[in-house]
Structure formats: C-alpha cells, structure tokens
C-alpha cells in the first residue's frame, strides 16, 4: 500500500495497513540519535509531504497568525 492510499483509507476508516506517519523532528534529534534515527526514518518513511510550509511571509509568521501592534483594529466587524 502506498502513502496516498494509506492516508485515504485512514480518513475513510476502511483499514490502512498501518497508521499514516507524519514526522517532524527537531535538529537535536539527529545529533542525539544519529544512525539509529536514520534507520528508523528509512524503515518508517513519512506518509505526508511538507509541501504546505512556506516559511515566514508578508502575511505573518509561518504559524499562520497575523501580527498587529497595539491599537490597530483587528479586522473583525
């Protein structure tokens, strides 16, 4: 079963071969666990891509929260 089918089957609750995996690691994990971590990542690759991350932009930080200074209107009306 490929990643795409695994994710869709999990969303549809129709029995994927295993739960889809999304890996997000801190840089220190590689320093601490090194080759053991690389072996684990090779054995269980991520089923999701990180194509949605574009970093900070003119619309605010990458976490998706807009920035405003004190006293500016919130834009809610």
N, C-alpha and C. Protein backbone atom coordinates (compact mmCIF):
# COMPACT_ATOMS: atom_id res chain seq x y z
N UNK A 1 0.85 -1.17 0.00
CA UNK A 1 0.00 0.00 0.00
C UNK A 1 0.90 1.24 0.00
N UNK A 2 0.62 2.18 -0.89
CA UNK A 2 1.44 3.39 -0.92
C UNK A 2 0.88 4.43 0.06
N UNK A 3 1.63 5.50 0.26
CA UNK A 3 1.27 6.52 1.25
C UNK A 3 -0.08 7.15 0.97
N UNK A 4 -0.34 7.45 -0.29
CA UNK A 4 -1.60 8.11 -0.64
C UNK A 4 -2.79 7.23 -0.26
N UNK A 5 -2.74 5.97 -0.65
CA UNK A 5 -3.84 5.06 -0.32
C UNK A 5 -3.97 4.88 1.19
N UNK A 6 -2.84 4.81 1.89
CA UNK A 6 -2.84 4.65 3.35
C UNK A 6 -3.55 5.83 4.02
N UNK A 7 -3.25 7.05 3.57
CA UNK A 7 -3.87 8.24 4.16
C UNK A 7 -5.37 8.26 3.88
N UNK A 8 -5.76 7.99 2.64
CA UNK A 8 -7.19 7.99 2.30
C UNK A 8 -7.95 6.91 3.06
N UNK A 9 -7.35 5.72 3.17
CA UNK A 9 -8.02 4.65 3.92
C UNK A 9 -8.16 5.01 5.39
N UNK A 10 -7.18 5.69 5.95
CA UNK A 10 -7.27 6.11 7.35
C UNK A 10 -8.38 7.15 7.52
N UNK A 11 -8.46 8.10 6.59
CA UNK A 11 -9.51 9.13 6.66
C UNK A 11 -10.89 8.53 6.48
N UNK A 12 -10.98 7.54 5.63
CA UNK A 12 -12.27 6.88 5.37
C UNK A 12 -12.57 5.78 6.39
N UNK A 13 -11.60 5.48 7.23
CA UNK A 13 -11.72 4.42 8.25
C UNK A 13 -12.05 3.07 7.62
N UNK A 14 -11.32 2.75 6.55
CA UNK A 14 -11.53 1.48 5.86
C UNK A 14 -10.34 0.55 5.97
N UNK A 15 -9.49 0.75 6.95
CA UNK A 15 -8.44 -0.20 7.23
C UNK A 15 -7.15 -0.04 6.46
N UNK A 16 -6.32 0.96 6.80
CA UNK A 16 -4.99 1.03 6.21
C UNK A 16 -4.11 -0.09 6.78
N UNK A 17 -3.02 -0.41 6.13
CA UNK A 17 -2.12 -1.45 6.62
C UNK A 17 -1.42 -1.04 7.91
N UNK A 18 -1.27 0.26 8.13
CA UNK A 18 -0.75 0.83 9.37
C UNK A 18 -1.19 2.28 9.42
N UNK A 19 -1.07 2.90 10.57
CA UNK A 19 -1.44 4.31 10.68
C UNK A 19 -0.49 5.16 9.85
N UNK A 20 -1.00 6.17 9.17
CA UNK A 20 -0.11 7.09 8.45
C UNK A 20 0.80 7.82 9.43
N UNK A 21 2.01 8.08 9.00
CA UNK A 21 3.02 8.71 9.85
C UNK A 21 3.38 10.08 9.29
N UNK A 22 3.45 11.08 10.19
CA UNK A 22 3.98 12.39 9.84
C UNK A 22 5.14 12.65 10.79
N UNK A 23 6.31 12.83 10.24
CA UNK A 23 7.50 13.02 11.07
C UNK A 23 7.92 14.48 11.05
N UNK A 24 8.08 15.02 12.24
CA UNK A 24 8.58 16.38 12.38
C UNK A 24 9.58 16.35 13.52
N UNK A 25 10.85 16.46 13.19
CA UNK A 25 11.91 16.27 14.16
C UNK A 25 12.67 17.57 14.41
N UNK A 26 13.11 17.73 15.62
CA UNK A 26 13.99 18.84 15.94
C UNK A 26 15.41 18.50 15.52
N UNK A 27 16.22 19.49 15.16
CA UNK A 27 17.58 19.22 14.73
C UNK A 27 18.40 18.43 15.75
N UNK A 28 18.15 18.63 17.01
CA UNK A 28 18.87 17.92 18.04
C UNK A 28 18.65 16.41 18.02
N UNK A 29 17.53 15.97 17.47
CA UNK A 29 17.24 14.53 17.40
C UNK A 29 18.30 13.82 16.57
N UNK A 30 18.72 14.43 15.48
CA UNK A 30 19.75 13.83 14.63
C UNK A 30 21.10 13.80 15.36
N UNK A 31 21.38 14.85 16.12
CA UNK A 31 22.64 14.89 16.86
C UNK A 31 22.66 13.86 17.98
N UNK A 32 21.52 13.65 18.62
CA UNK A 32 21.45 12.73 19.74
C UNK A 32 21.40 11.27 19.31
N UNK A 33 20.57 10.97 18.28
CA UNK A 33 20.32 9.58 17.93
C UNK A 33 21.00 9.11 16.65
N UNK A 34 21.46 10.05 15.83
CA UNK A 34 22.26 9.75 14.65
C UNK A 34 21.78 8.62 13.77
N UNK A 35 22.61 7.59 13.64
CA UNK A 35 22.35 6.48 12.71
C UNK A 35 21.10 5.68 13.10
N UNK A 36 20.84 5.54 14.39
CA UNK A 36 19.63 4.82 14.83
C UNK A 36 18.37 5.53 14.34
N UNK A 37 18.38 6.86 14.41
CA UNK A 37 17.25 7.63 13.92
C UNK A 37 17.12 7.50 12.41
N UNK A 38 18.22 7.56 11.69
CA UNK A 38 18.19 7.41 10.23
C UNK A 38 17.62 6.05 9.83
N UNK A 39 18.00 5.00 10.56
CA UNK A 39 17.46 3.67 10.29
C UNK A 39 15.95 3.63 10.52
N UNK A 40 15.50 4.27 11.59
CA UNK A 40 14.07 4.30 11.89
C UNK A 40 13.30 5.07 10.82
N UNK A 41 13.84 6.21 10.38
CA UNK A 41 13.18 7.01 9.34
C UNK A 41 13.14 6.26 8.02
N UNK A 42 14.16 5.48 7.73
CA UNK A 42 14.17 4.68 6.50
C UNK A 42 13.15 3.55 6.58
N UNK A 43 13.00 2.99 7.76
CA UNK A 43 12.05 1.88 7.93
C UNK A 43 10.61 2.36 7.91
N UNK A 44 10.36 3.54 8.47
CA UNK A 44 9.01 4.11 8.53
C UNK A 44 9.01 5.51 7.93
N UNK A 45 9.00 5.62 6.61
CA UNK A 45 9.01 6.95 5.98
C UNK A 45 7.70 7.69 6.22
N UNK A 46 7.76 8.99 6.16
CA UNK A 46 6.57 9.82 6.35
C UNK A 46 5.59 9.60 5.21
N UNK A 47 4.30 9.57 5.55
CA UNK A 47 3.24 9.41 4.55
C UNK A 47 2.70 10.75 4.08
N UNK A 48 3.19 11.83 4.65
CA UNK A 48 2.74 13.17 4.28
C UNK A 48 3.93 13.97 3.77
N UNK A 49 3.68 14.88 2.84
CA UNK A 49 4.75 15.76 2.40
C UNK A 49 4.68 17.05 3.21
N UNK A 50 5.73 17.83 3.16
CA UNK A 50 5.72 19.11 3.86
C UNK A 50 5.59 20.26 2.87
N UNK A 51 4.89 20.01 1.78
CA UNK A 51 4.77 21.00 0.71
C UNK A 51 4.00 22.24 1.13
N UNK A 52 3.26 22.19 2.23
CA UNK A 52 2.47 23.33 2.66
C UNK A 52 3.25 24.37 3.44
N UNK A 53 4.49 24.13 3.77
CA UNK A 53 5.27 25.07 4.57
C UNK A 53 6.02 26.02 3.65
N UNK A 54 5.81 27.30 3.82
CA UNK A 54 6.49 28.30 3.01
C UNK A 54 7.33 29.25 3.83
N UNK A 55 7.38 29.06 5.15
CA UNK A 55 8.16 29.95 5.99
C UNK A 55 7.44 31.26 6.26
N UNK A 56 8.14 32.18 6.85
CA UNK A 56 7.56 33.49 7.14
C UNK A 56 7.32 34.22 5.82
N UNK A 57 6.28 35.02 5.81
CA UNK A 57 5.95 35.74 4.58
C UNK A 57 5.42 37.13 4.93
N UNK A 58 4.99 37.84 3.94
CA UNK A 58 4.43 39.17 4.16
C UNK A 58 3.13 39.12 4.95
N UNK A 59 2.51 37.93 5.05
CA UNK A 59 1.24 37.78 5.76
C UNK A 59 1.43 37.41 7.22
N UNK A 60 2.66 37.25 7.66
CA UNK A 60 2.91 36.94 9.06
C UNK A 60 3.83 35.74 9.20
N UNK A 61 4.04 35.32 10.43
CA UNK A 61 4.93 34.19 10.67
C UNK A 61 4.34 32.88 10.16
N UNK A 62 5.17 31.88 10.05
CA UNK A 62 4.77 30.60 9.48
C UNK A 62 3.68 29.89 10.28
N UNK A 63 3.49 30.24 11.53
CA UNK A 63 2.48 29.56 12.33
C UNK A 63 1.07 29.95 11.94
N UNK A 64 0.92 30.88 11.00
CA UNK A 64 -0.40 31.23 10.49
C UNK A 64 -1.12 32.29 11.29
N UNK A 65 -0.44 32.97 12.17
CA UNK A 65 -1.07 34.01 12.97
C UNK A 65 -0.60 35.37 12.47
N UNK A 66 -1.53 36.23 12.19
CA UNK A 66 -1.18 37.56 11.75
C UNK A 66 -0.62 38.40 12.89
N UNK A 67 0.18 39.37 12.57
CA UNK A 67 0.77 40.23 13.58
C UNK A 67 0.12 41.60 13.48
N UNK A 68 -0.13 42.21 14.62
CA UNK A 68 -0.60 43.60 14.64
C UNK A 68 -0.06 44.26 15.90
N UNK A 69 0.06 45.55 15.85
CA UNK A 69 0.55 46.26 17.02
C UNK A 69 -0.62 46.74 17.86
N UNK A 70 -0.34 47.09 19.09
CA UNK A 70 -1.38 47.55 20.00
C UNK A 70 -2.09 48.77 19.42
N UNK A 71 -3.40 48.75 19.45
CA UNK A 71 -4.18 49.87 18.97
C UNK A 71 -4.69 49.72 17.55
N UNK A 72 -4.16 48.77 16.79
CA UNK A 72 -4.67 48.56 15.42
C UNK A 72 -5.98 47.80 15.50
N UNK A 73 -6.90 48.09 14.58
CA UNK A 73 -8.14 47.32 14.57
C UNK A 73 -7.86 45.86 14.20
N UNK A 74 -8.67 44.96 14.72
CA UNK A 74 -8.45 43.55 14.50
C UNK A 74 -8.96 43.08 13.14
N UNK A 75 -9.77 43.88 12.47
CA UNK A 75 -10.31 43.47 11.19
C UNK A 75 -11.63 42.73 11.34
N UNK A 76 -12.06 42.57 12.57
CA UNK A 76 -13.34 41.89 12.81
C UNK A 76 -14.42 42.95 12.90
N UNK A 77 -15.55 42.64 12.34
CA UNK A 77 -16.57 43.67 12.38
C UNK A 77 -17.84 43.16 12.68
